[in-house]
PDB file of N, CA and C in Angstrom:
ATOM      1  N   UNK A   1      18.110-124.103-141.342  1.00  0.00           N
ATOM      2  CA  UNK A   1      18.888-123.736-140.183  1.00  0.00           C
ATOM      3  C   UNK A   1      20.324-123.419-140.563  1.00  0.00           C
ATOM      4  N   UNK A   2      20.968-124.319-141.286  1.00  0.00           N
ATOM      5  CA  UNK A   2      22.363-124.114-141.655  1.00  0.00           C
ATOM      6  C   UNK A   2      22.574-122.854-142.460  1.00  0.00           C
ATOM      7  N   UNK A   3      21.596-122.521-143.312  1.00  0.00           N
ATOM      8  CA  UNK A   3      21.700-121.310-144.111  1.00  0.00           C
ATOM      9  C   UNK A   3      21.702-120.056-143.262  1.00  0.00           C
ATOM     10  N   UNK A   4      20.912-120.034-142.190  1.00  0.00           N
ATOM     11  CA  UNK A   4      20.890-118.882-141.288  1.00  0.00           C
ATOM     12  C   UNK A   4      22.216-118.735-140.555  1.00  0.00           C
ATOM     13  N   UNK A   5      22.769-119.847-140.109  1.00  0.00           N
ATOM     14  CA  UNK A   5      24.069-119.819-139.433  1.00  0.00           C
ATOM     15  C   UNK A   5      25.135-119.324-140.400  1.00  0.00           C
ATOM     16  N   UNK A   6      25.141-119.847-141.611  1.00  0.00           N
ATOM     17  CA  UNK A   6      26.109-119.437-142.639  1.00  0.00           C
ATOM     18  C   UNK A   6      25.974-117.944-142.940  1.00  0.00           C
ATOM     19  N   UNK A   7      24.750-117.466-143.065  1.00  0.00           N
ATOM     20  CA  UNK A   7      24.520-116.054-143.371  1.00  0.00           C
ATOM     21  C   UNK A   7      25.051-115.155-142.258  1.00  0.00           C
ATOM     22  N   UNK A   8      24.837-115.535-141.012  1.00  0.00           N
ATOM     23  CA  UNK A   8      25.251-114.705-139.880  1.00  0.00           C
ATOM     24  C   UNK A   8      26.756-114.795-139.593  1.00  0.00           C
ATOM     25  N   UNK A   9      27.299-116.011-139.583  1.00  0.00           N
ATOM     26  CA  UNK A   9      28.688-116.232-139.176  1.00  0.00           C
ATOM     27  C   UNK A   9      29.660-116.432-140.333  1.00  0.00           C
ATOM     28  N   UNK A  10      29.132-116.669-141.525  1.00  0.00           N
ATOM     29  CA  UNK A  10      30.008-116.921-142.663  1.00  0.00           C
ATOM     30  C   UNK A  10      30.522-118.350-142.730  1.00  0.00           C
ATOM     31  N   UNK A  11      30.025-119.207-141.876  1.00  0.00           N
ATOM     32  CA  UNK A  11      30.422-120.626-141.836  1.00  0.00           C
ATOM     33  C   UNK A  11      29.188-121.479-141.596  1.00  0.00           C
ATOM     34  N   UNK A  12      29.193-122.674-142.155  1.00  0.00           N
ATOM     35  CA  UNK A  12      28.141-123.628-141.841  1.00  0.00           C
ATOM     36  C   UNK A  12      28.379-124.195-140.443  1.00  0.00           C
ATOM     37  N   UNK A  13      27.330-124.671-139.767  1.00  0.00           N
ATOM     38  CA  UNK A  13      27.505-125.255-138.438  1.00  0.00           C
ATOM     39  C   UNK A  13      28.215-126.602-138.517  1.00  0.00           C
ATOM     40  N   UNK A  14      28.730-127.022-137.380  1.00  0.00           N
ATOM     41  CA  UNK A  14      29.305-128.356-137.241  1.00  0.00           C
ATOM     42  C   UNK A  14      28.200-129.259-136.703  1.00  0.00           C
ATOM     43  N   UNK A  15      27.969-130.373-137.366  1.00  0.00           N
ATOM     44  CA  UNK A  15      26.954-131.332-136.935  1.00  0.00           C
ATOM     45  C   UNK A  15      27.653-132.450-136.163  1.00  0.00           C
ATOM     46  N   UNK A  16      27.238-132.662-134.906  1.00  0.00           N
ATOM     47  CA  UNK A  16      27.797-133.724-134.075  1.00  0.00           C
ATOM     48  C   UNK A  16      26.774-134.850-133.939  1.00  0.00           C
ATOM     49  N   UNK A  17      27.234-136.072-134.162  1.00  0.00           N
ATOM     50  CA  UNK A  17      26.361-137.239-134.033  1.00  0.00           C
ATOM     51  C   UNK A  17      27.218-138.487-133.927  1.00  0.00           C
ATOM     52  N   UNK A  18      26.613-139.580-133.464  1.00  0.00           N
ATOM     53  CA  UNK A  18      27.327-140.846-133.619  1.00  0.00           C
ATOM     54  C   UNK A  18      27.055-141.353-135.035  1.00  0.00           C
ATOM     55  N   UNK A  19      27.905-142.224-135.499  1.00  0.00           N
ATOM     56  CA  UNK A  19      27.849-142.688-136.889  1.00  0.00           C
ATOM     57  C   UNK A  19      26.515-143.347-137.236  1.00  0.00           C
ATOM     58  N   UNK A  20      26.048-144.232-136.391  1.00  0.00           N
ATOM     59  CA  UNK A  20      24.822-144.969-136.680  1.00  0.00           C
ATOM     60  C   UNK A  20      23.619-144.034-136.797  1.00  0.00           C
ATOM     61  N   UNK A  21      23.445-143.127-135.842  1.00  0.00           N
ATOM     62  CA  UNK A  21      22.307-142.204-135.881  1.00  0.00           C
ATOM     63  C   UNK A  21      22.393-141.298-137.102  1.00  0.00           C
ATOM     64  N   UNK A  22      23.585-140.802-137.393  1.00  0.00           N
ATOM     65  CA  UNK A  22      23.730-139.914-138.548  1.00  0.00           C
ATOM     66  C   UNK A  22      23.292-140.622-139.831  1.00  0.00           C
ATOM     67  N   UNK A  23      23.802-141.802-140.057  1.00  0.00           N
ATOM     68  CA  UNK A  23      23.487-142.523-141.297  1.00  0.00           C
ATOM     69  C   UNK A  23      22.023-142.946-141.381  1.00  0.00           C
ATOM     70  N   UNK A  24      21.408-143.290-140.257  1.00  0.00           N
ATOM     71  CA  UNK A  24      20.012-143.743-140.278  1.00  0.00           C
ATOM     72  C   UNK A  24      19.012-142.598-140.278  1.00  0.00           C
ATOM     73  N   UNK A  25      19.287-141.535-139.530  1.00  0.00           N
ATOM     74  CA  UNK A  25      18.282-140.495-139.300  1.00  0.00           C
ATOM     75  C   UNK A  25      18.570-139.155-139.973  1.00  0.00           C
ATOM     76  N   UNK A  26      19.817-138.853-140.226  1.00  0.00           N
ATOM     77  CA  UNK A  26      20.156-137.522-140.746  1.00  0.00           C
ATOM     78  C   UNK A  26      20.566-137.574-142.212  1.00  0.00           C
ATOM     79  N   UNK A  27      21.599-138.331-142.477  1.00  0.00           N
ATOM     80  CA  UNK A  27      22.022-138.636-143.834  1.00  0.00           C
ATOM     81  C   UNK A  27      22.316-137.476-144.755  1.00  0.00           C
ATOM     82  N   UNK A  28      22.039-137.687-146.012  1.00  0.00           N
ATOM     83  CA  UNK A  28      22.499-136.818-147.100  1.00  0.00           C
ATOM     84  C   UNK A  28      22.106-135.355-146.949  1.00  0.00           C
ATOM     85  N   UNK A  29      21.002-135.050-146.307  1.00  0.00           N
ATOM     86  CA  UNK A  29      20.585-133.645-146.218  1.00  0.00           C
ATOM     87  C   UNK A  29      21.538-132.799-145.375  1.00  0.00           C
ATOM     88  N   UNK A  30      22.417-133.416-144.601  1.00  0.00           N
ATOM     89  CA  UNK A  30      23.387-132.684-143.789  1.00  0.00           C
ATOM     90  C   UNK A  30      24.826-132.870-144.271  1.00  0.00           C
ATOM     91  N   UNK A  31      25.035-133.579-145.363  1.00  0.00           N
ATOM     92  CA  UNK A  31      26.391-133.903-145.810  1.00  0.00           C
ATOM     93  C   UNK A  31      27.223-132.686-146.196  1.00  0.00           C
ATOM     94  N   UNK A  32      26.602-131.550-146.488  1.00  0.00           N
ATOM     95  CA  UNK A  32      27.396-130.371-146.874  1.00  0.00           C
ATOM     96  C   UNK A  32      28.024-129.672-145.666  1.00  0.00           C
ATOM     97  N   UNK A  33      27.578-130.023-144.460  1.00  0.00           N
ATOM     98  CA  UNK A  33      28.109-129.395-143.254  1.00  0.00           C
ATOM     99  C   UNK A  33      29.369-130.121-142.785  1.00  0.00           C
ATOM    100  N   UNK A  34      30.109-129.459-141.899  1.00  0.00           N
ATOM    101  CA  UNK A  34      31.213-130.147-141.239  1.00  0.00           C
ATOM    102  C   UNK A  34      30.604-131.190-140.303  1.00  0.00           C
ATOM    103  N   UNK A  35      31.133-132.408-140.357  1.00  0.00           N
ATOM    104  CA  UNK A  35      30.592-133.508-139.559  1.00  0.00           C
ATOM    105  C   UNK A  35      31.595-133.939-138.497  1.00  0.00           C
ATOM    106  N   UNK A  36      31.150-133.927-137.252  1.00  0.00           N
ATOM    107  CA  UNK A  36      31.918-134.361-136.090  1.00  0.00           C
ATOM    108  C   UNK A  36      31.235-135.649-135.639  1.00  0.00           C
ATOM    109  N   UNK A  37      31.859-136.790-135.946  1.00  0.00           N
ATOM    110  CA  UNK A  37      31.209-138.087-135.786  1.00  0.00           C
ATOM    111  C   UNK A  37      31.894-138.918-134.698  1.00  0.00           C
ATOM    112  N   UNK A  38      31.083-139.398-133.757  1.00  0.00           N
ATOM    113  CA  UNK A  38      31.572-140.291-132.708  1.00  0.00           C
ATOM    114  C   UNK A  38      31.440-141.735-133.178  1.00  0.00           C
ATOM    115  N   UNK A  39      32.540-142.463-133.072  1.00  0.00           N
ATOM    116  CA  UNK A  39      32.565-143.890-133.387  1.00  0.00           C
ATOM    117  C   UNK A  39      33.710-144.482-132.583  1.00  0.00           C
ATOM    118  N   UNK A  40      33.385-145.269-131.569  1.00  0.00           N
ATOM    119  CA  UNK A  40      34.407-145.790-130.668  1.00  0.00           C
ATOM    120  C   UNK A  40      34.936-147.151-131.087  1.00  0.00           C
ATOM    121  N   UNK A  41      34.583-147.609-132.273  1.00  0.00           N
ATOM    122  CA  UNK A  41      35.174-148.826-132.821  1.00  0.00           C
ATOM    123  C   UNK A  41      36.570-148.497-133.321  1.00  0.00           C
ATOM    124  N   UNK A  42      37.298-149.487-133.742  1.00  0.00           N
ATOM    125  CA  UNK A  42      38.670-149.267-134.189  1.00  0.00           C
ATOM    126  C   UNK A  42      38.760-148.716-135.605  1.00  0.00           C
ATOM    127  N   UNK A  43      37.631-148.612-136.302  1.00  0.00           N
ATOM    128  CA  UNK A  43      37.680-148.124-137.679  1.00  0.00           C
ATOM    129  C   UNK A  43      37.164-146.693-137.774  1.00  0.00           C
ATOM    130  N   UNK A  44      37.601-146.003-138.799  1.00  0.00           N
ATOM    131  CA  UNK A  44      37.137-144.647-139.048  1.00  0.00           C
ATOM    132  C   UNK A  44      35.661-144.663-139.424  1.00  0.00           C
ATOM    133  N   UNK A  45      34.935-143.588-139.106  1.00  0.00           N
ATOM    134  CA  UNK A  45      33.515-143.533-139.458  1.00  0.00           C
ATOM    135  C   UNK A  45      33.293-143.603-140.966  1.00  0.00           C
ATOM    136  N   UNK A  46      32.202-144.210-141.341  1.00  0.00           N
ATOM    137  CA  UNK A  46      31.787-144.286-142.738  1.00  0.00           C
ATOM    138  C   UNK A  46      30.474-143.524-142.871  1.00  0.00           C
ATOM    139  N   UNK A  47      30.462-142.498-143.705  1.00  0.00           N
ATOM    140  CA  UNK A  47      29.289-141.653-143.881  1.00  0.00           C
ATOM    141  C   UNK A  47      28.609-142.031-145.188  1.00  0.00           C
ATOM    142  N   UNK A  48      27.319-142.306-145.110  1.00  0.00           N
ATOM    143  CA  UNK A  48      26.553-142.646-146.309  1.00  0.00           C
ATOM    144  C   UNK A  48      26.475-141.448-147.251  1.00  0.00           C
ATOM    145  N   UNK A  49      26.401-141.722-148.523  1.00  0.00           N
ATOM    146  CA  UNK A  49      26.280-140.655-149.514  1.00  0.00           C
ATOM    147  C   UNK A  49      27.605-139.971-149.777  1.00  0.00           C
ATOM    148  N   UNK A  50      27.553-138.684-150.041  1.00  0.00           N
ATOM    149  CA  UNK A  50      28.749-137.937-150.422  1.00  0.00           C
ATOM    150  C   UNK A  50      29.376-137.173-149.265  1.00  0.00           C
ATOM    151  N   UNK A  51      28.912-137.388-148.060  1.00  0.00           N
ATOM    152  CA  UNK A  51      29.452-136.677-146.909  1.00  0.00           C
ATOM    153  C   UNK A  51      30.795-137.230-146.479  1.00  0.00           C
ATOM    154  N   UNK A  52      31.483-136.449-145.651  1.00  0.00           N
ATOM    155  CA  UNK A  52      32.755-136.923-145.112  1.00  0.00           C
ATOM    156  C   UNK A  52      32.863-136.508-143.656  1.00  0.00           C
ATOM    157  N   UNK A  53      33.497-137.336-142.894  1.00  0.00           N
ATOM    158  CA  UNK A  53      33.731-137.048-141.486  1.00  0.00           C
ATOM    159  C   UNK A  53      34.905-136.080-141.391  1.00  0.00           C
ATOM    160  N   UNK A  54      34.693-134.928-140.759  1.00  0.00           N
ATOM    161  CA  UNK A  54      35.753-133.939-140.597  1.00  0.00           C
ATOM    162  C   UNK A  54      36.483-134.097-139.272  1.00  0.00           C
ATOM    163  N   UNK A  55      35.753-134.505-138.244  1.00  0.00           N
ATOM    164  CA  UNK A  55      36.354-134.757-136.938  1.00  0.00           C
ATOM    165  C   UNK A  55      35.821-136.099-136.450  1.00  0.00           C
ATOM    166  N   UNK A  56      36.724-136.964-136.034  1.00  0.00           N
ATOM    167  CA  UNK A  56      36.361-138.289-135.541  1.00  0.00           C
ATOM    168  C   UNK A  56      36.610-138.341-134.038  1.00  0.00           C
ATOM    169  N   UNK A  57      35.558-138.516-133.262  1.00  0.00           N
ATOM    170  CA  UNK A  57      35.687-138.754-131.828  1.00  0.00           C
ATOM    171  C   UNK A  57      35.831-140.260-131.663  1.00  0.00           C
ATOM    172  N   UNK A  58      37.050-140.704-131.408  1.00  0.00           N
ATOM    173  CA  UNK A  58      37.347-142.132-131.433  1.00  0.00           C
ATOM    174  C   UNK A  58      37.386-142.794-130.061  1.00  0.00           C
ATOM    175  N   UNK A  59      37.314-142.008-128.996  1.00  0.00           N
ATOM    176  CA  UNK A  59      37.328-142.592-127.657  1.00  0.00           C
ATOM    177  C   UNK A  59      36.599-141.676-126.680  1.00  0.00           C
ATOM    178  N   UNK A  60      35.983-142.281-125.702  1.00  0.00           N
ATOM    179  CA  UNK A  60      35.389-141.520-124.603  1.00  0.00           C
ATOM    180  C   UNK A  60      36.083-141.860-123.286  1.00  0.00           C
ATOM    181  N   UNK A  61      37.188-142.581-123.373  1.00  0.00           N
ATOM    182  CA  UNK A  61      37.892-143.035-122.176  1.00  0.00           C
ATOM    183  C   UNK A  61      39.360-142.629-122.189  1.00  0.00           C
ATOM    184  N   UNK A  62      39.664-141.485-122.778  1.00  0.00           N
ATOM    185  CA  UNK A  62      41.042-141.020-122.841  1.00  0.00           C
ATOM    186  C   UNK A  62      41.520-140.474-121.506  1.00  0.00           C
ATOM    187  N   UNK A  63      42.827-140.341-121.387  1.00  0.00           N
ATOM    188  CA  UNK A  63      43.445-139.799-120.175  1.00  0.00           C
ATOM    189  C   UNK A  63      44.391-138.677-120.571  1.00  0.00           C
ATOM    190  N   UNK A  64      44.333-137.574-119.830  1.00  0.00           N
ATOM    191  CA  UNK A  64      45.261-136.464-120.020  1.00  0.00           C
ATOM    192  C   UNK A  64      45.856-136.104-118.673  1.00  0.00           C
ATOM    193  N   UNK A  65      47.164-135.887-118.658  1.00  0.00           N
ATOM    194  CA  UNK A  65      47.854-135.513-117.429  1.00  0.00           C
ATOM    195  C   UNK A  65      47.202-134.266-116.831  1.00  0.00           C
ATOM    196  N   UNK A  66      46.890-134.316-115.552  1.00  0.00           N
ATOM    197  CA  UNK A  66      46.303-133.175-114.864  1.00  0.00           C
ATOM    198  C   UNK A  66      44.786-133.173-114.826  1.00  0.00           C
ATOM    199  N   UNK A  67      44.163-134.081-115.555  1.00  0.00           N
ATOM    200  CA  UNK A  67      42.702-134.189-115.535  1.00  0.00           C
ATOM    201  C   UNK A  67      42.359-135.531-114.905  1.00  0.00           C
ATOM    202  N   UNK A  68      41.618-135.491-113.814  1.00  0.00           N
ATOM    203  CA  UNK A  68      41.327-136.699-113.055  1.00  0.00           C
ATOM    204  C   UNK A  68      40.239-137.580-113.634  1.00  0.00           C
ATOM    205  N   UNK A  69      39.501-137.065-114.574  1.00  0.00           N
ATOM    206  CA  UNK A  69      38.402-137.821-115.179  1.00  0.00           C
ATOM    207  C   UNK A  69      38.783-138.272-116.583  1.00  0.00           C
ATOM    208  N   UNK A  70      38.036-139.216-117.106  1.00  0.00           N
ATOM    209  CA  UNK A  70      38.228-139.630-118.499  1.00  0.00           C
ATOM    210  C   UNK A  70      37.778-138.502-119.422  1.00  0.00           C
ATOM    211  N   UNK A  71      38.417-138.412-120.571  1.00  0.00           N
ATOM    212  CA  UNK A  71      38.086-137.367-121.544  1.00  0.00           C
ATOM    213  C   UNK A  71      37.837-137.990-122.912  1.00  0.00           C
ATOM    214  N   UNK A  72      37.083-137.276-123.741  1.00  0.00           N
ATOM    215  CA  UNK A  72      36.885-137.694-125.131  1.00  0.00           C
ATOM    216  C   UNK A  72      38.154-137.406-125.920  1.00  0.00           C
ATOM    217  N   UNK A  73      38.475-138.273-126.861  1.00  0.00           N
ATOM    218  CA  UNK A  73      39.613-138.069-127.750  1.00  0.00           C
ATOM    219  C   UNK A  73      39.099-137.992-129.178  1.00  0.00           C
ATOM    220  N   UNK A  74      39.561-136.986-129.903  1.00  0.00           N
ATOM    221  CA  UNK A  74      39.109-136.760-131.276  1.00  0.00           C
ATOM    222  C   UNK A  74      40.291-136.397-132.148  1.00  0.00           C
ATOM    223  N   UNK A  75      40.110-136.540-133.468  1.00  0.00           N
ATOM    224  CA  UNK A  75      41.156-136.139-134.408  1.00  0.00           C
ATOM    225  C   UNK A  75      40.520-135.565-135.661  1.00  0.00           C
ATOM    226  N   UNK A  76      41.243-134.653-136.291  1.00  0.00           N
ATOM    227  CA  UNK A  76      40.802-134.102-137.569  1.00  0.00           C
ATOM    228  C   UNK A  76      41.001-135.141-138.660  1.00  0.00           C
ATOM    229  N   UNK A  77      40.103-135.120-139.651  1.00  0.00           N
ATOM    230  CA  UNK A  77      40.124-136.098-140.737  1.00  0.00           C
ATOM    231  C   UNK A  77      40.078-135.398-142.090  1.00  0.00           C
ATOM    232  N   UNK A  78      40.470-136.112-143.125  1.00  0.00           N
ATOM    233  CA  UNK A  78      40.276-135.694-144.523  1.00  0.00           C
ATOM    234  C   UNK A  78      40.809-134.300-144.827  1.00  0.00           C
ATOM    235  N   UNK A  79      41.939-133.941-144.251  1.00  0.00           N
ATOM    236  CA  UNK A  79      42.535-132.640-144.536  1.00  0.00           C
ATOM    237  C   UNK A  79      41.909-131.473-143.795  1.00  0.00           C
ATOM    238  N   UNK A  80      40.952-131.729-142.908  1.00  0.00           N
ATOM    239  CA  UNK A  80      40.326-130.663-142.129  1.00  0.00           C
ATOM    240  C   UNK A  80      41.315-130.136-141.102  1.00  0.00           C
ATOM    241  N   UNK A  81      41.340-128.821-140.917  1.00  0.00           N
ATOM    242  CA  UNK A  81      42.194-128.195-139.906  1.00  0.00           C
ATOM    243  C   UNK A  81      41.343-127.304-139.009  1.00  0.00           C
ATOM    244  N   UNK A  82      41.914-126.863-137.914  1.00  0.00           N
ATOM    245  CA  UNK A  82      41.206-125.970-137.003  1.00  0.00           C
ATOM    246  C   UNK A  82      40.827-124.669-137.713  1.00  0.00           C
ATOM    247  N   UNK A  83      41.634-124.218-138.652  1.00  0.00           N
ATOM    248  CA  UNK A  83      41.322-122.988-139.391  1.00  0.00           C
ATOM    249  C   UNK A  83      40.031-123.116-140.194  1.00  0.00           C
ATOM    250  N   UNK A  84      39.740-124.313-140.679  1.00  0.00           N
ATOM    251  CA  UNK A  84      38.494-124.532-141.423  1.00  0.00           C
ATOM    252  C   UNK A  84      37.263-124.277-140.557  1.00  0.00           C
ATOM    253  N   UNK A  85      37.394-124.481-139.259  1.00  0.00           N
ATOM    254  CA  UNK A  85      36.255-124.415-138.356  1.00  0.00           C
ATOM    255  C   UNK A  85      36.136-123.093-137.613  1.00  0.00           C
ATOM    256  N   UNK A  86      37.199-122.324-137.600  1.00  0.00           N
ATOM    257  CA  UNK A  86      37.191-121.063-136.856  1.00  0.00           C
ATOM    258  C   UNK A  86      36.336-120.012-137.544  1.00  0.00           C
ATOM    259  N   UNK A  87      35.717-119.167-136.733  1.00  0.00           N
ATOM    260  CA  UNK A  87      34.935-118.047-137.266  1.00  0.00           C
ATOM    261  C   UNK A  87      35.862-116.929-137.685  1.00  0.00           C
TER     262      UNK A  87
END
């Protein structure tokens, strides 16, 4: 799948998962992709194998002025920038 996306768009897909599911069910076979990992604990996500978390979703209860509902809060990790992810 990732190879088809890379061939068409020139970029690998971003894989979104929570930390526990990723490490137990997905693991090393997806480590070459950009990883967007949800972990609402106070610590940064830990990815098994040689993978790295590129975006950390650290909260699902954030607040932003002008938005009446709770929002997810995320941050770039390990030197990842928005330019790395843009097509």
